[in-house]
Amino acid sequence: MSTALESTPAGDAERPFAVAAVDLGATSGRVMLGVVAEGRIELVPAHRFENLLVEREGHLSWDIDALWAEIRQGLADAHDLALVRGLPGLASIGVDSWAVDYGFVGPEEADGGERIGEVIAYRDSRTDGVADRIAEHVGRARQFALTGIAQQPFNTLYQLAADDRVADLPPGSTLLMVPDLIGHLLTGARRSERTNASSTGMLGLDGDWDTELLAAAGIDRGLLAPLITPGERLGTVRPALARELGIGEVPVVAIGSHDTASAVLAVPAASGTSPLAYISSGTWSLIGLELPGAVASEEARRAGFTNEGGVDGTVRFLKNVSGMWLVSESIRQWEEDGAQVVLEDLLDAAAQSPANRFRIDPTDEQFLAPGRMADRVCAAARRLDGDDPFPRTPAAVVRCILESLAETYREELRTACRLAQVPLPERLHVVGGGSRNALLNQLTADALGIEVIAGPMEATALGNVALQSRALGAVPQEPDAIRALVRESVELERFRPSGRLGLRLAGRSAELG
C-alpha cells in the first residue's frame, strides 16, 4: 500500500491544491494541471505537443530530447496556471507513458548519469525473429507461467535481446523505462515503477525481476533499477531544474506509470463491483478484468491474454484488440482520395445505416498496418444480409467496423470471464477517447446484453492526478476512495441494451454500484 508524502502542501484534505500530470502517448503528449478542491478533480490542459518518431542511428526512435523540452515547458505552464488560480504552485508531479520502451543512463559519477544513445521505438524492426530465439532457451509456455505477459514481438525482453548496445555499456549504467527516464531527468533517481515494469516480460509473478529470463536474453540483473510502488515518493525536482522552470523543488510521485494502469484506476466503478470489467478505448481497445491475481494458465496464453500490474497490487487481465484505428485509417484513405470527412457526421450516418449487413474480423493481422484501410475492410467484409457484395459507402464501412468491434468485445470479455472463472459482470466501463463514441457504446451494450458506462474520456490523466492526491494525503487509503473521487469529478453516459442511444447522467448523482 502506498504511503502519503511528508509535509506536503496538500496535507489538509479540505485545502485546494494543484498537481501536474505528465501524460505521454505514442503520438502525442500533454501536461495537465489537476486542481483538487471540494472532493473533486478539475483537469486543465497546460501544454499539448506532438510525439514524433525519427530515424536515428539506423533505428526508428523517439525524440526524447524534444519530449523533454516540451515537458519542461508544460511544467512551467502548469505552475503558472496554478498561480493564476490563487494556488501556491504545484504540490507534486506524476509521469505516465506507453509501455515496453526504454533508455539507458550512464554511471552516476559521469555527469550524474547522462542518457546513452536513443530510445528505440517498439515499432522498430530489430526484434523480428527474436521471440523465437528466446523461446529456444525458455519456452513460450514457461515464459507466460513466469510472468503472465503475452509474448508480443516488441516486449522489452525481446528488445533487449536484440539491442547491440548492451555489451558496450559502461559499468554502473541503468535501464529505465520511458516514464522512469523522465523521472530520472526530473529528480536524478533511478527506479522502475512496477506497473510499467510488469509489461516488460521480465518481471516475475513473484514481483521481482526474473533471473531465468534475463539470462536467456543475456541481460545482467545489475542493469535494472530497483522497483518502486505506485504512490511512493520518487524524489524532488533537481534544484537547478527547479530554478530553470521557476517551480520550486516539487515532490515527484511514482504513479501507475503505465498509462493503462492510470486509466483503469480512474474507472468510476462503485465499491464492491466484482468483477470489474473495462475497455480502455482509443486507437486500440484494451478489454479485460481487474483481478486480485494473475491468470497464468496455458489456456489464457493461447487465447492471447496478458496480466499487467495495476495499482495496489491488482492485475489487469486483458487483451489488446483493434479499436478506432480501423475508422481513423479509413478516414485517412477517404481524405487522401479527396473527400472531406467529419467524424461526428460519419458516425451519425453510420447510426442510420442498415444494421447487420456485413462483418469483418478486427483481430485479423491484415488490419495492423496503415494504408488504404477502407479498401481492405471492403475486401474482407463477409455479407450477412442484403444484395450488396460489400459496403458501398463510408457510413456502411463504419457500421461494419463498429458492429464487428462490438461482437469482438463480447467474445473477448466472455473469454476473459471464463478463463478467470468469474461471472459475466452486470456492466462494462469504457474509458478513454473511445468512450465518446455513442454508436459503438450502444452496439457494445446490445452485443453483450449488459449496461455500458462510458467515461471518463481523460481517464489516464485523472488516474495520475488521483493517485498523486492520495500520496499527498488528500484522499483516504481505502480501496474505493480514488474511484469515489473520480465519480464526483466527471459526467458519464449510460447505455442499456435497448437499441437506443444512451441516457446522459451526471457522475455525482450516478448510482453505479
Protein backbone atom coordinates (compact mmCIF):
# COMPACT_ATOMS: atom_id res chain seq x y z
CA MET A 1 0.00 0.00 0.00
CA SER A 2 1.27 3.44 -0.88
CA THR A 3 2.16 5.96 1.80
CA ALA A 4 1.49 9.69 1.98
CA LEU A 5 4.30 12.14 1.40
CA GLU A 6 5.64 14.03 4.35
CA SER A 7 4.98 17.74 4.99
CA THR A 8 3.19 18.45 1.72
CA PRO A 9 1.07 21.49 0.94
CA ALA A 10 -1.85 19.15 0.31
CA GLY A 11 -1.78 17.51 3.71
CA ASP A 12 -5.13 19.12 4.56
CA ALA A 13 -7.79 17.33 2.53
CA GLU A 14 -10.03 20.45 2.71
CA ARG A 15 -7.41 22.71 1.20
CA PRO A 16 -7.37 23.17 -2.61
CA PHE A 17 -4.14 22.22 -4.31
CA ALA A 18 -2.74 21.57 -7.77
CA VAL A 19 -0.59 18.80 -9.24
CA ALA A 20 0.88 18.23 -12.70
CA ALA A 21 0.18 15.06 -14.69
CA VAL A 22 2.70 14.37 -17.46
CA ASP A 23 0.89 12.03 -19.86
CA LEU A 24 2.85 10.71 -22.84
CA GLY A 25 1.16 8.82 -25.66
CA ALA A 26 2.67 7.18 -28.72
CA THR A 27 1.55 10.04 -31.00
CA SER A 28 1.14 13.00 -28.64
CA GLY A 29 1.81 14.18 -25.14
CA ARG A 30 0.44 16.69 -22.69
CA VAL A 31 0.93 18.18 -19.29
CA MET A 32 -2.35 18.55 -17.42
CA LEU A 33 -2.94 20.64 -14.33
CA GLY A 34 -5.11 18.80 -11.84
CA VAL A 35 -6.85 21.08 -9.35
CA VAL A 36 -8.30 19.17 -6.39
CA ALA A 37 -10.89 21.02 -4.35
CA GLU A 38 -14.12 20.16 -2.53
CA GLY A 39 -13.75 16.47 -3.21
CA ARG A 40 -13.46 16.85 -6.99
CA ILE A 41 -10.72 16.97 -9.65
CA GLU A 42 -10.71 19.62 -12.34
CA LEU A 43 -8.38 18.92 -15.26
CA VAL A 44 -6.92 21.93 -17.06
CA PRO A 45 -4.71 21.45 -20.17
CA ALA A 46 -1.40 23.21 -19.58
CA HIS A 47 0.56 22.17 -22.67
CA ARG A 48 -0.01 19.74 -25.55
CA PHE A 49 2.61 18.57 -28.03
CA GLU A 50 3.40 16.01 -30.70
CA ASN A 51 5.42 12.87 -30.10
CA LEU A 52 7.22 12.04 -33.32
CA LEU A 53 9.17 9.00 -34.44
CA VAL A 54 12.55 9.76 -36.02
CA GLU A 55 15.19 7.71 -37.83
CA ARG A 56 18.41 7.80 -35.82
CA GLU A 57 21.44 5.54 -35.84
CA GLY A 58 19.63 3.16 -38.17
CA HIS A 59 16.60 2.69 -35.94
CA LEU A 60 13.12 4.11 -35.54
CA SER A 61 13.36 6.08 -32.30
CA TRP A 62 11.50 8.50 -30.06
CA ASP A 63 12.77 12.09 -29.94
CA ILE A 64 13.28 12.11 -26.18
CA ASP A 65 15.17 15.40 -26.25
CA ALA A 66 12.19 17.10 -27.90
CA LEU A 67 9.79 15.42 -25.45
CA TRP A 68 11.89 16.58 -22.51
CA ALA A 69 11.86 20.17 -23.78
CA GLU A 70 8.07 20.04 -24.14
CA ILE A 71 7.64 18.51 -20.68
CA ARG A 72 9.72 21.28 -19.12
CA GLN A 73 7.60 23.88 -20.89
CA GLY A 74 4.44 22.11 -19.74
CA LEU A 75 5.52 22.04 -16.10
CA ALA A 76 6.33 25.74 -16.16
CA ASP A 77 2.95 26.45 -17.77
CA ALA A 78 1.14 24.27 -15.22
CA HIS A 79 2.85 26.12 -12.37
CA ASP A 80 1.76 29.46 -13.85
CA LEU A 81 -1.82 28.22 -14.26
CA ALA A 82 -1.86 27.19 -10.60
CA LEU A 83 -0.69 30.67 -9.57
CA VAL A 84 -3.40 32.29 -11.70
CA ARG A 85 -5.95 30.27 -9.73
CA GLY A 86 -4.55 31.55 -6.46
CA LEU A 87 -2.76 28.33 -5.57
CA PRO A 88 0.87 28.17 -4.39
CA GLY A 89 2.24 26.38 -7.46
CA LEU A 90 2.47 22.61 -7.84
CA ALA A 91 2.17 20.24 -4.90
CA SER A 92 3.59 17.27 -6.87
CA ILE A 93 4.28 15.81 -10.30
CA GLY A 94 3.47 12.37 -11.76
CA VAL A 95 4.52 10.83 -15.09
CA ASP A 96 2.86 8.13 -17.19
CA SER A 97 3.52 6.87 -20.72
CA TRP A 98 3.13 3.95 -23.07
CA ALA A 99 4.85 0.71 -22.12
CA VAL A 100 7.80 -1.51 -23.20
CA ASP A 101 10.27 1.16 -24.45
CA TYR A 102 13.36 2.19 -22.51
CA GLY A 103 16.56 4.21 -22.45
CA PHE A 104 19.98 3.80 -20.84
CA VAL A 105 21.66 6.21 -18.46
CA GLY A 106 25.35 6.01 -17.64
CA PRO A 107 27.04 5.69 -14.25
CA GLU A 108 26.21 8.42 -11.73
CA GLU A 109 29.80 9.60 -11.45
CA ALA A 110 29.68 10.55 -15.14
CA ASP A 111 27.83 13.90 -15.02
CA GLY A 112 25.09 12.45 -12.83
CA GLY A 113 24.19 9.78 -15.36
CA GLU A 114 23.66 11.07 -18.89
CA ARG A 115 21.48 9.20 -21.37
CA ILE A 116 23.38 6.77 -23.58
CA GLY A 117 22.05 6.57 -27.14
CA GLU A 118 18.49 6.85 -28.37
CA VAL A 119 15.22 5.46 -27.06
CA ILE A 120 14.42 2.98 -29.82
CA ALA A 121 10.70 2.56 -30.53
CA TYR A 122 8.75 -0.66 -30.24
CA ARG A 123 7.77 -0.21 -33.91
CA ASP A 124 11.40 -0.72 -35.00
CA SER A 125 12.09 -3.94 -36.90
CA ARG A 126 15.09 -5.02 -34.81
CA THR A 127 13.02 -7.55 -32.85
CA ASP A 128 11.98 -9.56 -35.91
CA GLY A 129 12.51 -13.24 -35.06
CA VAL A 130 13.89 -12.54 -31.56
CA ALA A 131 10.92 -14.05 -29.72
CA ASP A 132 11.55 -17.37 -31.46
CA ARG A 133 15.21 -17.20 -30.48
CA ILE A 134 14.40 -16.63 -26.80
CA ALA A 135 11.81 -19.43 -26.93
CA GLU A 136 14.61 -21.85 -27.78
CA HIS A 137 16.05 -21.19 -24.30
CA VAL A 138 12.83 -20.57 -22.33
CA GLY A 139 9.71 -21.93 -24.00
CA ARG A 140 6.71 -19.69 -24.58
CA ALA A 141 4.55 -21.55 -22.09
CA ARG A 142 7.31 -21.23 -19.48
CA GLN A 143 7.68 -17.50 -20.15
CA PHE A 144 3.96 -16.98 -19.63
CA ALA A 145 3.94 -19.09 -16.48
CA LEU A 146 6.78 -16.97 -15.07
CA THR A 147 5.44 -13.52 -15.97
CA GLY A 148 1.82 -13.80 -17.09
CA ILE A 149 2.70 -11.50 -20.01
CA ALA A 150 1.67 -12.28 -23.60
CA GLN A 151 4.65 -12.72 -25.91
CA GLN A 152 4.38 -9.71 -28.19
CA PRO A 153 7.35 -9.22 -30.57
CA PHE A 154 8.01 -5.76 -29.11
CA ASN A 155 8.23 -6.84 -25.44
CA THR A 156 11.15 -5.22 -23.63
CA LEU A 157 12.73 -8.63 -23.09
CA TYR A 158 13.00 -9.14 -26.84
CA GLN A 159 14.10 -5.56 -27.49
CA LEU A 160 16.98 -6.01 -25.06
CA ALA A 161 17.97 -9.34 -26.59
CA ALA A 162 18.24 -7.52 -29.93
CA ASP A 163 19.99 -4.43 -28.52
CA ASP A 164 23.63 -4.44 -29.65
CA ARG A 165 24.42 -1.54 -27.29
CA VAL A 166 24.07 -3.61 -24.12
CA ALA A 167 27.50 -5.25 -24.32
CA ASP A 168 29.24 -1.88 -24.56
CA LEU A 169 27.50 -0.09 -21.70
CA PRO A 170 29.91 1.21 -19.02
CA PRO A 171 29.67 -0.40 -15.57
CA GLY A 172 27.05 1.31 -13.43
CA SER A 173 24.68 2.01 -16.34
CA THR A 174 20.95 1.59 -15.77
CA LEU A 175 17.97 0.74 -17.94
CA LEU A 176 14.94 2.96 -17.33
CA MET A 177 11.50 2.66 -18.91
CA VAL A 178 10.27 5.86 -20.58
CA PRO A 179 8.36 7.31 -17.57
CA ASP A 180 11.21 6.25 -15.27
CA LEU A 181 13.65 8.01 -17.59
CA ILE A 182 11.60 11.22 -17.34
CA GLY A 183 11.53 10.72 -13.57
CA HIS A 184 15.31 10.46 -13.62
CA LEU A 185 15.61 13.69 -15.60
CA LEU A 186 13.36 15.37 -13.05
CA THR A 187 14.92 14.03 -9.85
CA GLY A 188 18.10 12.09 -10.56
CA ALA A 189 16.52 8.95 -9.07
CA ARG A 190 16.81 5.53 -10.74
CA ARG A 191 13.75 3.39 -10.10
CA SER A 192 11.49 1.06 -12.09
CA GLU A 193 7.82 1.66 -11.38
CA ARG A 194 6.01 -1.64 -11.03
CA THR A 195 3.06 -1.25 -13.41
CA ASN A 196 5.33 -0.36 -16.33
CA ALA A 197 7.91 -2.96 -15.30
CA SER A 198 5.20 -5.62 -15.46
CA SER A 199 4.81 -5.03 -19.20
CA THR A 200 8.45 -5.85 -19.98
CA GLY A 201 8.16 -9.63 -19.98
CA MET A 202 10.98 -9.66 -17.40
CA LEU A 203 9.10 -9.12 -14.13
CA GLY A 204 8.08 -12.37 -12.50
CA LEU A 205 4.70 -13.01 -10.92
CA ASP A 206 6.58 -13.05 -7.61
CA GLY A 207 7.12 -9.29 -8.03
CA ASP A 208 10.85 -9.34 -8.81
CA TRP A 209 12.97 -9.40 -11.95
CA ASP A 210 13.12 -12.97 -13.26
CA THR A 211 16.72 -14.22 -13.47
CA GLU A 212 15.89 -17.13 -15.80
CA LEU A 213 14.51 -14.82 -18.48
CA LEU A 214 17.28 -12.26 -18.01
CA ALA A 215 19.85 -14.99 -18.55
CA ALA A 216 18.09 -16.16 -21.71
CA ALA A 217 18.33 -12.63 -23.12
CA GLY A 218 21.89 -12.10 -21.90
CA ILE A 219 20.92 -9.28 -19.51
CA ASP A 220 22.81 -8.57 -16.30
CA ARG A 221 20.47 -8.10 -13.32
CA GLY A 222 22.52 -5.08 -12.30
CA LEU A 223 21.33 -3.19 -15.39
CA LEU A 224 17.80 -3.00 -13.97
CA ALA A 225 16.78 -0.38 -11.42
CA PRO A 226 15.23 -1.16 -8.03
CA LEU A 227 11.44 -1.32 -8.13
CA ILE A 228 9.15 1.37 -6.78
CA THR A 229 5.44 1.03 -5.98
CA PRO A 230 2.77 3.46 -7.18
CA GLY A 231 2.16 6.10 -4.53
CA GLU A 232 5.73 6.18 -3.26
CA ARG A 233 7.81 9.32 -3.50
CA LEU A 234 10.43 9.12 -6.24
CA GLY A 235 12.26 12.28 -5.20
CA THR A 236 12.11 16.04 -5.70
CA VAL A 237 12.80 18.16 -8.75
CA ARG A 238 16.54 18.81 -9.04
CA PRO A 239 17.47 22.25 -7.64
CA ALA A 240 18.94 23.54 -10.91
CA LEU A 241 15.90 22.38 -12.88
CA ALA A 242 13.55 23.88 -10.28
CA ARG A 243 15.28 27.24 -10.72
CA GLU A 244 15.19 26.96 -14.51
CA LEU A 245 11.45 26.30 -14.56
CA GLY A 246 10.59 28.53 -11.62
CA ILE A 247 8.50 25.79 -9.98
CA GLY A 248 10.43 25.04 -6.80
CA GLU A 249 11.76 21.67 -5.62
CA VAL A 250 8.43 19.89 -6.12
CA PRO A 251 7.94 16.26 -5.00
CA VAL A 252 7.71 13.70 -7.82
CA VAL A 253 5.36 10.79 -7.10
CA ALA A 254 5.56 7.33 -8.67
CA ILE A 255 2.07 6.81 -10.04
CA GLY A 256 0.73 3.97 -12.20
CA SER A 257 3.18 4.97 -14.90
CA HIS A 258 1.86 2.51 -17.48
CA ASP A 259 -0.84 4.74 -18.96
CA THR A 260 -3.36 1.90 -18.93
CA ALA A 261 -2.74 1.38 -15.21
CA SER A 262 -3.68 5.01 -14.57
CA ALA A 263 -6.67 4.79 -16.91
CA VAL A 264 -8.08 1.69 -15.21
CA LEU A 265 -7.51 3.26 -11.80
CA ALA A 266 -9.90 6.00 -12.97
CA VAL A 267 -12.68 3.57 -13.91
CA PRO A 268 -15.57 5.04 -11.89
CA ALA A 269 -16.88 1.74 -10.55
CA ALA A 270 -18.51 1.67 -7.13
CA SER A 271 -17.09 -0.21 -4.17
CA GLY A 272 -17.75 -3.92 -4.28
CA THR A 273 -18.08 -4.09 -8.06
CA SER A 274 -16.75 -7.54 -8.90
CA PRO A 275 -15.55 -8.44 -11.33
CA LEU A 276 -14.66 -5.01 -12.68
CA ALA A 277 -14.83 -5.12 -16.49
CA TYR A 278 -13.43 -2.32 -18.63
CA ILE A 279 -12.33 -1.22 -22.06
CA SER A 280 -9.60 1.40 -22.29
CA SER A 281 -10.74 2.60 -25.68
CA GLY A 282 -8.83 4.61 -28.23
CA THR A 283 -6.76 3.75 -31.27
CA TRP A 284 -6.60 0.29 -29.75
CA SER A 285 -9.00 -1.28 -27.26
CA LEU A 286 -7.71 -2.93 -24.11
CA ILE A 287 -10.55 -5.08 -22.81
CA GLY A 288 -10.41 -7.09 -19.64
CA LEU A 289 -10.99 -7.52 -15.94
CA GLU A 290 -9.39 -6.08 -12.83
CA LEU A 291 -8.47 -9.06 -10.64
CA PRO A 292 -6.65 -9.66 -7.34
CA GLY A 293 -4.20 -12.05 -9.01
CA ALA A 294 -2.90 -13.24 -12.36
CA VAL A 295 -4.49 -15.85 -14.61
CA ALA A 296 -1.36 -17.52 -15.95
CA SER A 297 -2.86 -20.71 -17.35
CA GLU A 298 -1.79 -22.20 -20.65
CA GLU A 299 -5.31 -21.65 -21.96
CA ALA A 300 -5.04 -17.93 -21.16
CA ARG A 301 -1.73 -17.78 -23.01
CA ARG A 302 -3.15 -19.48 -26.08
CA ALA A 303 -6.12 -17.10 -26.04
CA GLY A 304 -3.74 -14.14 -26.24
CA PHE A 305 -4.48 -12.62 -22.82
CA THR A 306 -1.93 -10.85 -20.66
CA ASN A 307 -1.59 -9.96 -16.97
CA GLU A 308 -0.33 -6.42 -16.36
CA GLY A 309 0.33 -4.98 -12.94
CA GLY A 310 -2.14 -2.44 -11.59
CA VAL A 311 -2.20 -0.03 -8.68
CA ASP A 312 -2.49 -1.50 -5.15
CA GLY A 313 -1.39 -4.96 -6.25
CA THR A 314 -4.25 -5.52 -8.69
CA VAL A 315 -3.85 -7.26 -12.04
CA ARG A 316 -5.23 -6.11 -15.37
CA PHE A 317 -6.17 -9.35 -17.11
CA LEU A 318 -6.77 -8.11 -20.63
CA LYS A 319 -6.46 -8.50 -24.35
CA ASN A 320 -5.43 -5.85 -26.86
CA VAL A 321 -7.78 -5.72 -29.85
CA SER A 322 -8.32 -3.24 -32.65
CA GLY A 323 -10.23 -0.10 -31.81
CA MET A 324 -10.90 3.19 -33.58
CA TRP A 325 -7.70 2.60 -35.57
CA LEU A 326 -9.83 0.94 -38.24
CA VAL A 327 -12.08 4.00 -38.51
CA SER A 328 -9.32 6.61 -38.35
CA GLU A 329 -7.29 4.82 -41.02
CA SER A 330 -10.36 4.54 -43.25
CA ILE A 331 -10.97 8.26 -42.82
CA ARG A 332 -7.36 8.92 -43.78
CA GLN A 333 -7.86 6.97 -47.01
CA TRP A 334 -11.05 8.90 -47.90
CA GLU A 335 -9.35 12.22 -47.20
CA GLU A 336 -6.36 11.25 -49.32
CA ASP A 337 -8.85 10.45 -52.07
CA GLY A 338 -10.18 14.00 -51.83
CA ALA A 339 -13.24 13.62 -49.59
CA GLN A 340 -13.96 15.92 -46.65
CA VAL A 341 -14.83 13.76 -43.66
CA VAL A 342 -16.15 14.93 -40.27
CA LEU A 343 -16.07 12.07 -37.77
CA GLU A 344 -19.23 13.14 -35.94
CA ASP A 345 -21.20 13.36 -39.20
CA LEU A 346 -19.83 9.99 -40.32
CA LEU A 347 -20.89 8.33 -37.05
CA ASP A 348 -24.36 9.87 -37.34
CA ALA A 349 -24.68 8.47 -40.85
CA ALA A 350 -23.43 5.06 -39.68
CA ALA A 351 -26.06 5.04 -36.94
CA GLN A 352 -28.74 5.46 -39.64
CA SER A 353 -27.26 2.77 -41.92
CA PRO A 354 -28.93 -0.66 -42.09
CA ALA A 355 -27.72 -2.97 -39.34
CA ASN A 356 -26.13 -6.41 -39.59
CA ARG A 357 -25.23 -6.32 -43.26
CA PHE A 358 -21.50 -7.12 -43.04
CA ARG A 359 -18.84 -8.36 -40.64
CA ILE A 360 -15.04 -8.45 -40.52
CA ASP A 361 -12.62 -9.97 -38.03
CA PRO A 362 -11.00 -6.87 -36.41
CA THR A 363 -8.25 -9.06 -34.92
CA ASP A 364 -7.01 -10.16 -38.35
CA GLU A 365 -3.36 -9.17 -38.79
CA GLN A 366 -4.12 -7.70 -42.22
CA PHE A 367 -5.58 -4.67 -40.39
CA LEU A 368 -2.46 -3.92 -38.32
CA ALA A 369 -0.57 -1.93 -40.95
CA PRO A 370 -1.62 1.56 -42.06
CA GLY A 371 -2.76 2.43 -45.57
CA ARG A 372 -5.96 2.01 -47.67
CA MET A 373 -7.88 0.62 -44.71
CA ALA A 374 -11.35 1.14 -46.17
CA ASP A 375 -10.40 -0.90 -49.23
CA ARG A 376 -9.15 -3.73 -47.01
CA VAL A 377 -12.32 -3.65 -44.91
CA CYS A 378 -14.48 -3.88 -48.04
CA ALA A 379 -12.41 -6.74 -49.43
CA ALA A 380 -12.61 -8.68 -46.16
CA ALA A 381 -16.27 -7.95 -45.39
CA ARG A 382 -18.49 -11.03 -45.07
CA ARG A 383 -22.06 -10.42 -46.23
CA LEU A 384 -24.80 -11.30 -43.74
CA ASP A 385 -27.83 -9.73 -45.41
CA GLY A 386 -28.89 -7.64 -48.38
CA ASP A 387 -27.85 -7.61 -52.02
CA ASP A 388 -24.64 -5.57 -51.87
CA PRO A 389 -21.48 -7.74 -52.07
CA PHE A 390 -19.52 -5.26 -49.90
CA PRO A 391 -20.11 -1.98 -48.01
CA ARG A 392 -20.52 0.68 -50.70
CA THR A 393 -20.49 3.91 -48.66
CA PRO A 394 -18.27 5.30 -45.89
CA ALA A 395 -21.22 5.06 -43.49
CA ALA A 396 -21.69 1.37 -44.36
CA VAL A 397 -17.96 0.72 -43.88
CA VAL A 398 -18.01 2.36 -40.45
CA ARG A 399 -21.19 0.50 -39.47
CA CYS A 400 -19.48 -2.77 -40.43
CA ILE A 401 -16.36 -1.89 -38.41
CA LEU A 402 -18.25 -0.86 -35.27
CA GLU A 403 -20.62 -3.83 -35.28
CA SER A 404 -17.64 -6.13 -35.75
CA LEU A 405 -15.79 -4.46 -32.87
CA ALA A 406 -18.82 -4.80 -30.58
CA GLU A 407 -19.08 -8.53 -31.31
CA THR A 408 -15.34 -8.92 -30.73
CA TYR A 409 -15.65 -7.17 -27.37
CA ARG A 410 -18.43 -9.59 -26.45
CA GLU A 411 -16.38 -12.66 -27.30
CA GLU A 412 -13.22 -11.43 -25.60
CA LEU A 413 -14.99 -10.38 -22.39
CA ARG A 414 -16.80 -13.70 -22.20
CA THR A 415 -13.50 -15.49 -22.74
CA ALA A 416 -11.82 -13.40 -20.02
CA CYS A 417 -14.57 -14.27 -17.55
CA ARG A 418 -14.38 -17.96 -18.40
CA LEU A 419 -10.61 -18.04 -18.02
CA ALA A 420 -10.74 -16.11 -14.74
CA GLN A 421 -13.65 -18.27 -13.53
CA VAL A 422 -15.83 -15.28 -12.71
CA PRO A 423 -19.38 -14.48 -13.86
CA LEU A 424 -20.11 -12.02 -16.63
CA PRO A 425 -20.40 -8.64 -14.89
CA GLU A 426 -23.57 -6.58 -14.81
CA ARG A 427 -21.87 -3.65 -16.55
CA LEU A 428 -18.86 -2.74 -18.64
CA HIS A 429 -16.94 0.51 -18.14
CA VAL A 430 -15.47 2.23 -21.21
CA VAL A 431 -12.83 4.89 -20.57
CA GLY A 432 -10.55 6.91 -22.83
CA GLY A 433 -11.20 8.72 -26.09
CA GLY A 434 -13.38 5.94 -27.48
CA SER A 435 -15.86 6.44 -24.63
CA ARG A 436 -17.30 9.34 -26.64
CA ASN A 437 -18.37 7.05 -29.49
CA ALA A 438 -22.04 6.68 -28.62
CA LEU A 439 -22.80 4.33 -31.51
CA LEU A 440 -20.04 1.89 -30.58
CA ASN A 441 -21.04 2.03 -26.91
CA GLN A 442 -24.66 1.22 -27.76
CA LEU A 443 -23.66 -1.58 -30.11
CA THR A 444 -21.44 -2.99 -27.35
CA ALA A 445 -24.28 -2.89 -24.83
CA ASP A 446 -26.54 -4.65 -27.32
CA ALA A 447 -23.93 -7.28 -28.19
CA LEU A 448 -23.13 -8.09 -24.56
CA GLY A 449 -26.62 -7.68 -23.19
CA ILE A 450 -25.29 -5.65 -20.25
CA GLU A 451 -25.08 -1.99 -19.33
CA VAL A 452 -22.16 0.07 -20.65
CA ILE A 453 -20.95 3.05 -18.60
CA ALA A 454 -18.96 5.46 -20.78
CA GLY A 455 -16.36 7.84 -19.36
CA PRO A 456 -14.24 9.49 -18.31
CA MET A 457 -12.52 10.37 -21.57
CA GLU A 458 -9.46 11.76 -19.74
CA ALA A 459 -9.10 8.62 -17.63
CA THR A 460 -5.30 8.39 -17.73
CA ALA A 461 -4.76 11.96 -16.51
CA LEU A 462 -7.47 11.53 -13.87
CA GLY A 463 -5.87 8.35 -12.54
CA ASN A 464 -2.49 10.09 -12.50
CA VAL A 465 -3.84 13.08 -10.56
CA ALA A 466 -5.98 10.98 -8.20
CA LEU A 467 -3.06 8.80 -7.11
CA GLN A 468 -0.89 11.86 -6.54
CA SER A 469 -3.70 13.23 -4.40
CA ARG A 470 -3.74 10.09 -2.29
CA ALA A 471 0.04 10.17 -1.93
CA LEU A 472 -0.27 13.75 -0.74
CA GLY A 473 -2.69 12.68 1.98
CA ALA A 474 -5.77 14.34 0.49
CA VAL A 475 -7.53 11.06 -0.37
CA PRO A 476 -8.05 8.21 2.11
CA GLN A 477 -6.23 4.93 1.64
CA GLU A 478 -9.49 2.95 1.37
CA PRO A 479 -9.71 0.96 -1.88
CA ASP A 480 -12.74 2.84 -3.23
CA ALA A 481 -11.57 6.34 -2.31
CA ILE A 482 -9.86 7.16 -5.61
CA ARG A 483 -12.77 5.92 -7.71
CA ALA A 484 -15.19 7.83 -5.50
CA LEU A 485 -13.17 10.97 -6.20
CA VAL A 486 -13.32 10.25 -9.94
CA ARG A 487 -17.09 9.65 -9.82
CA GLU A 488 -17.56 13.05 -8.20
CA SER A 489 -15.42 14.69 -10.88
CA VAL A 490 -16.88 13.54 -14.19
CA GLU A 491 -20.05 13.18 -16.20
CA LEU A 492 -20.82 9.72 -17.50
CA GLU A 493 -23.15 8.16 -20.05
CA ARG A 494 -25.18 5.03 -19.53
CA PHE A 495 -26.00 2.70 -22.43
CA ARG A 496 -28.51 -0.06 -21.83
CA PRO A 497 -29.07 -2.98 -24.22
CA SER A 498 -32.23 -1.48 -25.63
CA GLY A 499 -31.24 -0.47 -29.16
CA ARG A 500 -31.48 3.22 -28.24
CA LEU A 501 -28.58 5.61 -27.75
CA GLY A 502 -27.51 6.34 -24.22
CA LEU A 503 -29.03 8.44 -21.47
CA ARG A 504 -26.73 11.18 -20.20
CA LEU A 505 -26.21 11.38 -16.44
CA ALA A 506 -24.08 13.32 -14.00
CA GLY A 507 -21.31 11.38 -12.34
CA ARG A 508 -22.00 12.82 -8.90
CA SER A 509 -25.58 11.55 -8.92
CA ALA A 510 -25.00 8.25 -10.71
CA GLU A 511 -25.69 5.07 -8.80
CA LEU A 512 -23.14 2.74 -10.39
CA GLY A 513 -22.99 0.12 -7.66
